[in-house]
Amino acid sequence: MPRWFAWPSELKDSGILGINRRNLSYILESNPRRLYPRVDNKLITKSICEANDIPVPETYGVFDKHGEVGRFPELVREITDFVIKPACGAAGRGVMVIAEHVGDIYISPSGRGLRWNEVRYHLSTIISGLHSLGGKMDTVIVERRIVTHPALDSVSVGGTPDVRVILYRGIPVMAMLRLPTHASGGRANLHQGAIAAAIDLSSGQTYGGVCSNRIVDEHPDTHQPIAGIELPNWRHLLDSAMKLSDALEMGYIGVDFVIDAQKGPVVLEANARPGLAIQVANRVGIWPRLERVRSNPDHLLKGDARWRLIDEVANMGL
């Protein structure tokens, strides 16, 4: 009878990277613990991006004390739409998107109205560390809301798609486009029902999709095809990812981008412990690609040699 599972040895032989090998062979080896604040705190990541001319969403304001929360309505009085997020949050926890506001009513993209006391409570929970890594006191970031690029409008539902790129030794080795759905509540979170579409590193074109660990060919809400999406400014996005990897001085990271209608690719955050679901989206293991990069001396990981290696890695296992 056909099996619905694979033995660990079969996954290893097919190049699938497991969490233990990821942690021991790549994260511990390549990411010094002292540098983790550079990616765990979004304010620090943004400052590094700005110092290296890497686009990030504009910051409107920052709050790190409960006594400052009362200034929030004045801060956003002339701002139509914006995003509230914790500086040290993870997996999208604590992010609140406001599409418009009238007086003390703040309206989400789904049309839900929130009163000022609800927004104030949310700001307080962020500062108290409810959404932060380790539950430590945190900082509220109020920043510009990204307007989705028209190329992604047909596969955007209630939220903003994002792009995850995994880099090793400064070389992009795998990428995916994460698409929000009604099931995911407008979040580009795979564990909540978003779609992951593999991206060809050479061309920036999607070529497949999975949702809840099942292969899908079209968006379940818009019924638009997942494959064949051309991501705008793809080489610029990869170049920004490599510049950030160099600036962070961390060898194994994930970088998340959104593609803004005006600014193009902008960095949302970086991650020193990127997940492994990207292999499901690409339907190929990442381990052979990592080892191909590992086999190169440092001088072949700079300049134009990077782009030749990216093209080479992109064709592995396909």
C-alpha atoms as a PDB file:
ATOM      1  CA  MET A   1       0.000   0.000   0.000  1.00  0.00           C
ATOM      2  CA  PRO A   2       1.230   3.543  -0.683  1.00  0.00           C
ATOM      3  CA  ARG A   3       2.674   5.377   2.335  1.00  0.00           C
ATOM      4  CA  TRP A   4       1.570   8.853   3.357  1.00  0.00           C
ATOM      5  CA  PHE A   5       4.805   9.500   5.215  1.00  0.00           C
ATOM      6  CA  ALA A   6       8.564   9.351   4.623  1.00  0.00           C
ATOM      7  CA  TRP A   7      11.172   7.788   6.867  1.00  0.00           C
ATOM      8  CA  PRO A   8      13.777  10.197   8.367  1.00  0.00           C
ATOM      9  CA  SER A   9      16.517   8.529   6.332  1.00  0.00           C
ATOM     10  CA  GLU A  10      14.512   9.140   3.146  1.00  0.00           C
ATOM     11  CA  LEU A  11      14.064  12.824   3.996  1.00  0.00           C
ATOM     12  CA  LYS A  12      17.784  13.146   4.665  1.00  0.00           C
ATOM     13  CA  ASP A  13      18.676  11.436   1.392  1.00  0.00           C
ATOM     14  CA  SER A  14      16.382  13.819  -0.487  1.00  0.00           C
ATOM     15  CA  GLY A  15      18.180  16.852   0.944  1.00  0.00           C
ATOM     16  CA  ILE A  16      15.570  17.943   3.501  1.00  0.00           C
ATOM     17  CA  LEU A  17      17.124  19.963   6.312  1.00  0.00           C
ATOM     18  CA  GLY A  18      15.799  19.090   9.771  1.00  0.00           C
ATOM     19  CA  ILE A  19      15.688  21.370  12.782  1.00  0.00           C
ATOM     20  CA  ASN A  20      18.542  19.661  14.642  1.00  0.00           C
ATOM     21  CA  ARG A  21      20.943  19.848  11.681  1.00  0.00           C
ATOM     22  CA  ARG A  22      19.843  23.423  11.014  1.00  0.00           C
ATOM     23  CA  ASN A  23      20.612  24.438  14.602  1.00  0.00           C
ATOM     24  CA  LEU A  24      23.914  22.573  14.974  1.00  0.00           C
ATOM     25  CA  SER A  25      25.441  22.896  11.520  1.00  0.00           C
ATOM     26  CA  TYR A  26      24.301  26.359  10.474  1.00  0.00           C
ATOM     27  CA  ILE A  27      22.769  28.545  13.197  1.00  0.00           C
ATOM     28  CA  LEU A  28      25.211  27.775  16.023  1.00  0.00           C
ATOM     29  CA  GLU A  29      28.147  27.805  13.635  1.00  0.00           C
ATOM     30  CA  SER A  30      27.246  30.990  11.763  1.00  0.00           C
ATOM     31  CA  ASN A  31      25.259  33.236  14.118  1.00  0.00           C
ATOM     32  CA  PRO A  32      27.191  34.518  17.162  1.00  0.00           C
ATOM     33  CA  ARG A  33      24.854  34.836  20.139  1.00  0.00           C
ATOM     34  CA  ARG A  34      26.076  38.374  20.875  1.00  0.00           C
ATOM     35  CA  LEU A  35      24.665  39.535  17.513  1.00  0.00           C
ATOM     36  CA  TYR A  36      21.106  38.249  18.039  1.00  0.00           C
ATOM     37  CA  PRO A  37      19.776  41.647  19.230  1.00  0.00           C
ATOM     38  CA  ARG A  38      20.473  42.939  15.712  1.00  0.00           C
ATOM     39  CA  VAL A  39      17.626  40.784  14.383  1.00  0.00           C
ATOM     40  CA  ASP A  40      15.502  40.197  17.488  1.00  0.00           C
ATOM     41  CA  ASN A  41      14.833  43.928  17.887  1.00  0.00           C
ATOM     42  CA  LYS A  42      13.167  45.478  14.836  1.00  0.00           C
ATOM     43  CA  LEU A  43      14.314  48.972  15.802  1.00  0.00           C
ATOM     44  CA  ILE A  44      17.951  47.860  15.696  1.00  0.00           C
ATOM     45  CA  THR A  45      17.368  46.060  12.386  1.00  0.00           C
ATOM     46  CA  LYS A  46      15.790  49.206  10.926  1.00  0.00           C
ATOM     47  CA  SER A  47      18.708  51.366  12.058  1.00  0.00           C
ATOM     48  CA  ILE A  48      21.170  48.966  10.400  1.00  0.00           C
ATOM     49  CA  CYS A  49      19.105  49.047   7.193  1.00  0.00           C
ATOM     50  CA  GLU A  50      18.951  52.838   7.185  1.00  0.00           C
ATOM     51  CA  ALA A  51      22.716  53.084   7.732  1.00  0.00           C
ATOM     52  CA  ASN A  52      23.250  50.890   4.656  1.00  0.00           C
ATOM     53  CA  ASP A  53      20.629  52.521   2.364  1.00  0.00           C
ATOM     54  CA  ILE A  54      18.321  49.500   2.536  1.00  0.00           C
ATOM     55  CA  PRO A  55      14.650  50.593   2.291  1.00  0.00           C
ATOM     56  CA  VAL A  56      12.423  50.078   5.356  1.00  0.00           C
ATOM     57  CA  PRO A  57       8.948  51.418   6.222  1.00  0.00           C
ATOM     58  CA  GLU A  58       9.030  54.960   7.598  1.00  0.00           C
ATOM     59  CA  THR A  59       8.802  55.120  11.408  1.00  0.00           C
ATOM     60  CA  TYR A  60       6.186  57.578  12.710  1.00  0.00           C
ATOM     61  CA  GLY A  61       6.764  57.104  16.424  1.00  0.00           C
ATOM     62  CA  VAL A  62       8.079  54.885  19.211  1.00  0.00           C
ATOM     63  CA  PHE A  63       6.690  54.288  22.712  1.00  0.00           C
ATOM     64  CA  ASP A  64       8.477  52.351  25.432  1.00  0.00           C
ATOM     65  CA  LYS A  65       6.727  53.633  28.581  1.00  0.00           C
ATOM     66  CA  HIS A  66       3.090  53.285  29.627  1.00  0.00           C
ATOM     67  CA  GLY A  67       2.974  56.990  30.428  1.00  0.00           C
ATOM     68  CA  GLU A  68       3.686  57.820  26.776  1.00  0.00           C
ATOM     69  CA  VAL A  69       0.678  55.960  25.378  1.00  0.00           C
ATOM     70  CA  GLY A  70      -1.587  58.974  25.843  1.00  0.00           C
ATOM     71  CA  ARG A  71       0.394  60.790  23.112  1.00  0.00           C
ATOM     72  CA  PHE A  72      -0.675  58.261  20.487  1.00  0.00           C
ATOM     73  CA  PRO A  73      -3.873  59.998  19.204  1.00  0.00           C
ATOM     74  CA  GLU A  74      -1.926  63.220  18.612  1.00  0.00           C
ATOM     75  CA  LEU A  75       0.866  61.324  16.824  1.00  0.00           C
ATOM     76  CA  VAL A  76      -1.515  59.802  14.255  1.00  0.00           C
ATOM     77  CA  ARG A  77      -3.960  62.711  14.021  1.00  0.00           C
ATOM     78  CA  GLU A  78      -2.810  63.625  10.494  1.00  0.00           C
ATOM     79  CA  ILE A  79      -1.884  60.065   9.447  1.00  0.00           C
ATOM     80  CA  THR A  80      -4.630  58.151   7.649  1.00  0.00           C
ATOM     81  CA  ASP A  81      -3.262  54.613   7.867  1.00  0.00           C
ATOM     82  CA  PHE A  82      -0.422  52.981   9.775  1.00  0.00           C
ATOM     83  CA  VAL A  83       0.847  49.818  11.442  1.00  0.00           C
ATOM     84  CA  ILE A  84       1.397  49.181  15.161  1.00  0.00           C
ATOM     85  CA  LYS A  85       3.934  46.469  16.014  1.00  0.00           C
ATOM     86  CA  PRO A  86       6.140  45.302  18.889  1.00  0.00           C
ATOM     87  CA  ALA A  87       9.882  45.824  18.414  1.00  0.00           C
ATOM     88  CA  CYS A  88      10.655  42.323  19.705  1.00  0.00           C
ATOM     89  CA  GLY A  89       7.619  40.387  18.493  1.00  0.00           C
ATOM     90  CA  ALA A  90       7.741  37.210  16.428  1.00  0.00           C
ATOM     91  CA  ALA A  91       5.489  35.349  13.965  1.00  0.00           C
ATOM     92  CA  GLY A  92       3.316  38.436  13.459  1.00  0.00           C
ATOM     93  CA  ARG A  93       2.159  38.535  17.089  1.00  0.00           C
ATOM     94  CA  GLY A  94       0.993  41.920  18.286  1.00  0.00           C
ATOM     95  CA  VAL A  95       0.788  43.543  14.852  1.00  0.00           C
ATOM     96  CA  MET A  96      -2.240  45.796  14.366  1.00  0.00           C
ATOM     97  CA  VAL A  97      -2.994  47.362  10.981  1.00  0.00           C
ATOM     98  CA  ILE A  98      -5.167  50.475  10.797  1.00  0.00           C
ATOM     99  CA  ALA A  99      -6.555  51.386   7.377  1.00  0.00           C
ATOM    100  CA  GLU A 100      -8.242  54.627   8.453  1.00  0.00           C
ATOM    101  CA  HIS A 101      -9.501  56.401  11.538  1.00  0.00           C
ATOM    102  CA  VAL A 102     -12.248  58.883  12.300  1.00  0.00           C
ATOM    103  CA  GLY A 103     -12.032  60.582  15.665  1.00  0.00           C
ATOM    104  CA  ASP A 104     -11.416  57.891  18.253  1.00  0.00           C
ATOM    105  CA  ILE A 105     -12.553  55.048  15.963  1.00  0.00           C
ATOM    106  CA  TYR A 106      -9.738  53.094  14.299  1.00  0.00           C
ATOM    107  CA  ILE A 107     -10.726  50.834  11.394  1.00  0.00           C
ATOM    108  CA  SER A 108      -8.854  47.697  10.366  1.00  0.00           C
ATOM    109  CA  PRO A 109      -8.508  46.591   6.700  1.00  0.00           C
ATOM    110  CA  SER A 110     -11.343  44.090   7.293  1.00  0.00           C
ATOM    111  CA  GLY A 111     -13.665  46.952   8.301  1.00  0.00           C
ATOM    112  CA  ARG A 112     -13.707  46.257  12.031  1.00  0.00           C
ATOM    113  CA  GLY A 113     -13.871  49.424  14.131  1.00  0.00           C
ATOM    114  CA  LEU A 114     -11.772  49.735  17.275  1.00  0.00           C
ATOM    115  CA  ARG A 115     -12.335  52.395  19.910  1.00  0.00           C
ATOM    116  CA  TRP A 116      -9.436  54.317  21.389  1.00  0.00           C
ATOM    117  CA  ASN A 117      -9.604  52.361  24.664  1.00  0.00           C
ATOM    118  CA  GLU A 118      -9.106  49.102  22.708  1.00  0.00           C
ATOM    119  CA  VAL A 119      -6.109  50.513  20.837  1.00  0.00           C
ATOM    120  CA  ARG A 120      -4.705  51.933  24.082  1.00  0.00           C
ATOM    121  CA  TYR A 121      -5.014  48.520  25.730  1.00  0.00           C
ATOM    122  CA  HIS A 122      -3.187  46.927  22.789  1.00  0.00           C
ATOM    123  CA  LEU A 123      -0.360  49.473  23.055  1.00  0.00           C
ATOM    124  CA  SER A 124      -0.064  48.714  26.767  1.00  0.00           C
ATOM    125  CA  THR A 125       0.095  44.957  26.197  1.00  0.00           C
ATOM    126  CA  ILE A 126       2.977  45.450  23.751  1.00  0.00           C
ATOM    127  CA  ILE A 127       4.950  47.557  26.235  1.00  0.00           C
ATOM    128  CA  SER A 128       4.228  44.987  28.972  1.00  0.00           C
ATOM    129  CA  GLY A 129       5.866  42.298  26.807  1.00  0.00           C
ATOM    130  CA  LEU A 130       2.807  40.198  26.013  1.00  0.00           C
ATOM    131  CA  HIS A 131       3.955  39.674  22.417  1.00  0.00           C
ATOM    132  CA  SER A 132       7.740  39.838  22.851  1.00  0.00           C
ATOM    133  CA  LEU A 133      10.348  37.101  22.769  1.00  0.00           C
ATOM    134  CA  GLY A 134      10.727  35.840  26.336  1.00  0.00           C
ATOM    135  CA  GLY A 135       7.931  38.069  27.641  1.00  0.00           C
ATOM    136  CA  LYS A 136      10.303  40.983  28.336  1.00  0.00           C
ATOM    137  CA  MET A 137       9.216  44.635  28.392  1.00  0.00           C
ATOM    138  CA  ASP A 138       8.971  45.862  24.822  1.00  0.00           C
ATOM    139  CA  THR A 139       8.674  48.934  22.613  1.00  0.00           C
ATOM    140  CA  VAL A 140       5.786  49.988  20.352  1.00  0.00           C
ATOM    141  CA  ILE A 141       6.684  50.937  16.774  1.00  0.00           C
ATOM    142  CA  VAL A 142       4.187  52.975  14.745  1.00  0.00           C
ATOM    143  CA  GLU A 143       5.192  52.931  11.101  1.00  0.00           C
ATOM    144  CA  ARG A 144       3.978  53.520   7.576  1.00  0.00           C
ATOM    145  CA  ARG A 145       1.498  51.012   6.230  1.00  0.00           C
ATOM    146  CA  ILE A 146       2.701  49.274   3.075  1.00  0.00           C
ATOM    147  CA  VAL A 147       0.527  49.611  -0.025  1.00  0.00           C
ATOM    148  CA  THR A 148       0.663  46.325  -1.922  1.00  0.00           C
ATOM    149  CA  HIS A 149       2.260  46.472  -5.361  1.00  0.00           C
ATOM    150  CA  PRO A 150      -0.339  46.101  -8.169  1.00  0.00           C
ATOM    151  CA  ALA A 151       1.454  42.956  -9.412  1.00  0.00           C
ATOM    152  CA  LEU A 152       0.220  41.184  -6.271  1.00  0.00           C
ATOM    153  CA  ASP A 153      -3.296  42.628  -6.018  1.00  0.00           C
ATOM    154  CA  SER A 154      -4.966  39.552  -7.540  1.00  0.00           C
ATOM    155  CA  VAL A 155      -3.546  37.263  -4.862  1.00  0.00           C
ATOM    156  CA  SER A 156      -3.856  39.607  -1.867  1.00  0.00           C
ATOM    157  CA  VAL A 157      -6.766  39.080   0.504  1.00  0.00           C
ATOM    158  CA  GLY A 158      -7.220  41.234   3.594  1.00  0.00           C
ATOM    159  CA  GLY A 159      -3.503  41.769   4.108  1.00  0.00           C
ATOM    160  CA  THR A 160      -0.071  42.269   2.586  1.00  0.00           C
ATOM    161  CA  PRO A 161       1.933  39.452   0.947  1.00  0.00           C
ATOM    162  CA  ASP A 162       5.571  39.146   1.923  1.00  0.00           C
ATOM    163  CA  VAL A 163       8.710  37.502   0.583  1.00  0.00           C
ATOM    164  CA  ARG A 164      11.024  35.357   2.713  1.00  0.00           C
ATOM    165  CA  VAL A 165      14.611  34.887   1.519  1.00  0.00           C
ATOM    166  CA  ILE A 166      17.021  32.564   3.320  1.00  0.00           C
ATOM    167  CA  LEU A 167      20.702  33.417   2.994  1.00  0.00           C
ATOM    168  CA  TYR A 168      23.801  31.445   3.920  1.00  0.00           C
ATOM    169  CA  ARG A 169      27.202  33.157   3.987  1.00  0.00           C
ATOM    170  CA  GLY A 170      25.556  36.106   2.285  1.00  0.00           C
ATOM    171  CA  ILE A 171      24.141  34.064  -0.617  1.00  0.00           C
ATOM    172  CA  PRO A 172      20.365  33.688  -1.168  1.00  0.00           C
ATOM    173  CA  VAL A 173      19.654  29.939  -1.266  1.00  0.00           C
ATOM    174  CA  MET A 174      15.851  29.735  -1.226  1.00  0.00           C
ATOM    175  CA  ALA A 175      12.855  32.073  -1.360  1.00  0.00           C
ATOM    176  CA  MET A 176       9.083  32.002  -1.126  1.00  0.00           C
ATOM    177  CA  LEU A 177       6.129  34.359  -1.449  1.00  0.00           C
ATOM    178  CA  ARG A 178       3.626  34.181   1.426  1.00  0.00           C
ATOM    179  CA  LEU A 179       0.062  35.130   0.530  1.00  0.00           C
ATOM    180  CA  PRO A 180      -2.643  35.957   3.081  1.00  0.00           C
ATOM    181  CA  THR A 181      -6.078  34.340   2.848  1.00  0.00           C
ATOM    182  CA  HIS A 182      -9.431  34.689   4.580  1.00  0.00           C
ATOM    183  CA  ALA A 183      -8.503  31.599   6.601  1.00  0.00           C
ATOM    184  CA  SER A 184      -5.292  33.246   7.819  1.00  0.00           C
ATOM    185  CA  GLY A 185      -7.151  36.390   8.844  1.00  0.00           C
ATOM    186  CA  GLY A 186      -5.245  38.487   6.324  1.00  0.00           C
ATOM    187  CA  ARG A 187      -1.874  37.482   7.789  1.00  0.00           C
ATOM    188  CA  ALA A 188       0.956  36.061   5.698  1.00  0.00           C
ATOM    189  CA  ASN A 189       1.469  33.316   8.302  1.00  0.00           C
ATOM    190  CA  LEU A 190       1.703  29.750   6.985  1.00  0.00           C
ATOM    191  CA  HIS A 191       0.651  28.202  10.306  1.00  0.00           C
ATOM    192  CA  GLN A 192      -2.596  30.200  10.226  1.00  0.00           C
ATOM    193  CA  GLY A 193      -3.606  29.222   6.691  1.00  0.00           C
ATOM    194  CA  ALA A 194      -1.620  31.500   4.362  1.00  0.00           C
ATOM    195  CA  ILE A 195      -0.257  30.208   1.039  1.00  0.00           C
ATOM    196  CA  ALA A 196       3.422  29.692   0.334  1.00  0.00           C
ATOM    197  CA  ALA A 197       4.544  29.981  -3.283  1.00  0.00           C
ATOM    198  CA  ALA A 198       8.077  28.981  -4.281  1.00  0.00           C
ATOM    199  CA  ILE A 199      10.171  31.620  -6.070  1.00  0.00           C
ATOM    200  CA  ASP A 200      12.800  30.865  -8.679  1.00  0.00           C
ATOM    201  CA  LEU A 201      15.915  32.705  -7.478  1.00  0.00           C
ATOM    202  CA  SER A 202      17.143  33.443 -10.988  1.00  0.00           C
ATOM    203  CA  SER A 203      13.973  34.962 -12.423  1.00  0.00           C
ATOM    204  CA  GLY A 204      11.882  36.047  -9.437  1.00  0.00           C
ATOM    205  CA  GLN A 205       8.900  34.107 -10.764  1.00  0.00           C
ATOM    206  CA  THR A 206       6.685  31.857  -8.647  1.00  0.00           C
ATOM    207  CA  TYR A 207       6.319  28.269  -9.761  1.00  0.00           C
ATOM    208  CA  GLY A 208       4.108  26.470  -7.267  1.00  0.00           C
ATOM    209  CA  GLY A 209       2.078  26.761  -4.110  1.00  0.00           C
ATOM    210  CA  VAL A 210       1.142  24.970  -0.902  1.00  0.00           C
ATOM    211  CA  CYS A 211      -1.471  25.730   1.726  1.00  0.00           C
ATOM    212  CA  SER A 212      -1.837  23.808   4.992  1.00  0.00           C
ATOM    213  CA  ASN A 213       0.743  21.317   3.646  1.00  0.00           C
ATOM    214  CA  ARG A 214      -1.343  20.613   0.519  1.00  0.00           C
ATOM    215  CA  ILE A 215      -0.390  21.524  -3.031  1.00  0.00           C
ATOM    216  CA  VAL A 216      -2.549  24.293  -4.494  1.00  0.00           C
ATOM    217  CA  ASP A 217      -2.568  25.803  -7.971  1.00  0.00           C
ATOM    218  CA  GLU A 218      -4.770  28.815  -7.302  1.00  0.00           C
ATOM    219  CA  HIS A 219      -5.605  31.201  -4.481  1.00  0.00           C
ATOM    220  CA  PRO A 220      -8.596  29.727  -2.584  1.00  0.00           C
ATOM    221  CA  ASP A 221     -10.305  33.121  -2.281  1.00  0.00           C
ATOM    222  CA  THR A 222      -9.511  34.908  -5.545  1.00  0.00           C
ATOM    223  CA  HIS A 223      -9.083  31.731  -7.683  1.00  0.00           C
ATOM    224  CA  GLN A 224      -6.085  33.335  -9.379  1.00  0.00           C
ATOM    225  CA  PRO A 225      -3.135  31.076 -10.323  1.00  0.00           C
ATOM    226  CA  ILE A 226      -0.277  30.940  -7.840  1.00  0.00           C
ATOM    227  CA  ALA A 227       2.403  30.047 -10.389  1.00  0.00           C
ATOM    228  CA  GLY A 228       3.776  32.559 -12.885  1.00  0.00           C
ATOM    229  CA  ILE A 229       3.701  35.665 -10.675  1.00  0.00           C
ATOM    230  CA  GLU A 230       6.548  38.001 -11.651  1.00  0.00           C
ATOM    231  CA  LEU A 231       7.880  39.744  -8.552  1.00  0.00           C
ATOM    232  CA  PRO A 232       8.837  43.365  -9.312  1.00  0.00           C
ATOM    233  CA  ASN A 233      12.430  44.563  -8.754  1.00  0.00           C
ATOM    234  CA  TRP A 234      13.602  41.038  -7.979  1.00  0.00           C
ATOM    235  CA  ARG A 235      17.334  41.620  -8.362  1.00  0.00           C
ATOM    236  CA  HIS A 236      17.055  44.754  -6.233  1.00  0.00           C
ATOM    237  CA  LEU A 237      15.308  42.685  -3.551  1.00  0.00           C
ATOM    238  CA  LEU A 238      18.071  40.056  -3.566  1.00  0.00           C
ATOM    239  CA  ASP A 239      20.736  42.764  -3.543  1.00  0.00           C
ATOM    240  CA  SER A 240      19.101  44.346  -0.462  1.00  0.00           C
ATOM    241  CA  ALA A 241      18.980  40.938   1.223  1.00  0.00           C
ATOM    242  CA  MET A 242      22.705  40.415   0.596  1.00  0.00           C
ATOM    243  CA  LYS A 243      23.601  43.914   1.805  1.00  0.00           C
ATOM    244  CA  LEU A 244      21.647  43.341   5.023  1.00  0.00           C
ATOM    245  CA  SER A 245      23.230  39.939   5.546  1.00  0.00           C
ATOM    246  CA  ASP A 246      26.680  41.531   5.254  1.00  0.00           C
ATOM    247  CA  ALA A 247      25.756  44.347   7.641  1.00  0.00           C
ATOM    248  CA  LEU A 248      24.306  41.989  10.248  1.00  0.00           C
ATOM    249  CA  GLU A 249      27.455  39.815  10.138  1.00  0.00           C
ATOM    250  CA  MET A 250      25.348  36.699  10.623  1.00  0.00           C
ATOM    251  CA  GLY A 251      25.897  33.704   8.368  1.00  0.00           C
ATOM    252  CA  TYR A 252      22.458  32.044   8.338  1.00  0.00           C
ATOM    253  CA  ILE A 253      19.410  34.326   8.305  1.00  0.00           C
ATOM    254  CA  GLY A 254      15.985  34.847   6.856  1.00  0.00           C
ATOM    255  CA  VAL A 255      15.009  38.299   5.582  1.00  0.00           C
ATOM    256  CA  ASP A 256      11.365  39.271   5.086  1.00  0.00           C
ATOM    257  CA  PHE A 257      10.348  41.851   2.504  1.00  0.00           C
ATOM    258  CA  VAL A 258       7.139  43.485   1.385  1.00  0.00           C
ATOM    259  CA  ILE A 259       6.864  45.038  -2.072  1.00  0.00           C
ATOM    260  CA  ASP A 260       5.418  48.519  -1.821  1.00  0.00           C
ATOM    261  CA  ALA A 261       3.607  50.123  -4.731  1.00  0.00           C
ATOM    262  CA  GLN A 262       5.849  53.209  -4.517  1.00  0.00           C
ATOM    263  CA  LYS A 263       9.126  52.180  -2.854  1.00  0.00           C
ATOM    264  CA  GLY A 264       9.430  48.627  -4.204  1.00  0.00           C
ATOM    265  CA  PRO A 265      10.999  45.995  -1.909  1.00  0.00           C
ATOM    266  CA  VAL A 266      11.334  47.135   1.710  1.00  0.00           C
ATOM    267  CA  VAL A 267      12.659  45.092   4.626  1.00  0.00           C
ATOM    268  CA  LEU A 268      10.183  44.148   7.347  1.00  0.00           C
ATOM    269  CA  GLU A 269      12.515  42.154   9.574  1.00  0.00           C
ATOM    270  CA  ALA A 270      15.336  39.637   9.744  1.00  0.00           C
ATOM    271  CA  ASN A 271      15.359  36.307  11.559  1.00  0.00           C
ATOM    272  CA  ALA A 272      18.313  34.390  12.983  1.00  0.00           C
ATOM    273  CA  ARG A 273      16.236  31.207  13.239  1.00  0.00           C
ATOM    274  CA  PRO A 274      14.247  31.041   9.984  1.00  0.00           C
ATOM    275  CA  GLY A 275      11.770  28.159   9.765  1.00  0.00           C
ATOM    276  CA  LEU A 276      12.009  25.154   7.489  1.00  0.00           C
ATOM    277  CA  ALA A 277       8.569  25.276   5.831  1.00  0.00           C
ATOM    278  CA  ILE A 278      10.179  27.055   2.890  1.00  0.00           C
ATOM    279  CA  GLN A 279      11.329  23.596   1.744  1.00  0.00           C
ATOM    280  CA  VAL A 280       7.686  22.479   1.519  1.00  0.00           C
ATOM    281  CA  ALA A 281       6.874  25.501  -0.627  1.00  0.00           C
ATOM    282  CA  ASN A 282       9.826  24.828  -2.937  1.00  0.00           C
ATOM    283  CA  ARG A 283       9.205  21.060  -2.917  1.00  0.00           C
ATOM    284  CA  VAL A 284      12.946  20.513  -2.637  1.00  0.00           C
ATOM    285  CA  GLY A 285      15.404  20.241   0.240  1.00  0.00           C
ATOM    286  CA  ILE A 286      17.615  23.198   1.104  1.00  0.00           C
ATOM    287  CA  TRP A 287      20.556  21.174   2.452  1.00  0.00           C
ATOM    288  CA  PRO A 288      22.340  20.555  -0.919  1.00  0.00           C
ATOM    289  CA  ARG A 289      22.138  24.283  -1.673  1.00  0.00           C
ATOM    290  CA  LEU A 290      23.662  25.159   1.691  1.00  0.00           C
ATOM    291  CA  GLU A 291      26.475  22.688   1.144  1.00  0.00           C
ATOM    292  CA  ARG A 292      27.123  24.079  -2.345  1.00  0.00           C
ATOM    293  CA  VAL A 293      27.616  27.517  -0.817  1.00  0.00           C
ATOM    294  CA  ARG A 294      29.723  26.092   2.014  1.00  0.00           C
ATOM    295  CA  SER A 295      32.104  24.538  -0.534  1.00  0.00           C
ATOM    296  CA  ASN A 296      33.069  27.959  -1.944  1.00  0.00           C
ATOM    297  CA  PRO A 297      36.011  29.988  -0.652  1.00  0.00           C
ATOM    298  CA  ASP A 298      35.270  33.471   0.637  1.00  0.00           C
ATOM    299  CA  HIS A 299      36.547  35.290  -2.457  1.00  0.00           C
ATOM    300  CA  LEU A 300      33.856  33.582  -4.583  1.00  0.00           C
ATOM    301  CA  LEU A 301      31.117  34.965  -2.331  1.00  0.00           C
ATOM    302  CA  LYS A 302      31.649  38.587  -3.352  1.00  0.00           C
ATOM    303  CA  GLY A 303      30.678  40.839  -6.264  1.00  0.00           C
ATOM    304  CA  ASP A 304      29.559  39.304  -9.562  1.00  0.00           C
ATOM    305  CA  ALA A 305      30.585  35.840  -8.371  1.00  0.00           C
ATOM    306  CA  ARG A 306      27.609  35.969  -6.022  1.00  0.00           C
ATOM    307  CA  TRP A 307      25.155  36.232  -8.890  1.00  0.00           C
ATOM    308  CA  ARG A 308      26.737  33.296 -10.716  1.00  0.00           C
ATOM    309  CA  LEU A 309      26.442  31.188  -7.570  1.00  0.00           C
ATOM    310  CA  ILE A 310      22.814  32.243  -7.064  1.00  0.00           C
ATOM    311  CA  ASP A 311      21.957  31.032 -10.576  1.00  0.00           C
ATOM    312  CA  GLU A 312      23.783  27.779  -9.912  1.00  0.00           C
ATOM    313  CA  VAL A 313      22.030  27.208  -6.594  1.00  0.00           C
ATOM    314  CA  ALA A 314      18.635  28.056  -8.123  1.00  0.00           C
ATOM    315  CA  ASN A 315      18.856  25.096 -10.490  1.00  0.00           C
ATOM    316  CA  MET A 316      19.797  22.507  -7.886  1.00  0.00           C
ATOM    317  CA  GLY A 317      17.239  19.783  -7.231  1.00  0.00           C
ATOM    318  CA  LEU A 318      14.720  21.083  -9.784  1.00  0.00           C
END
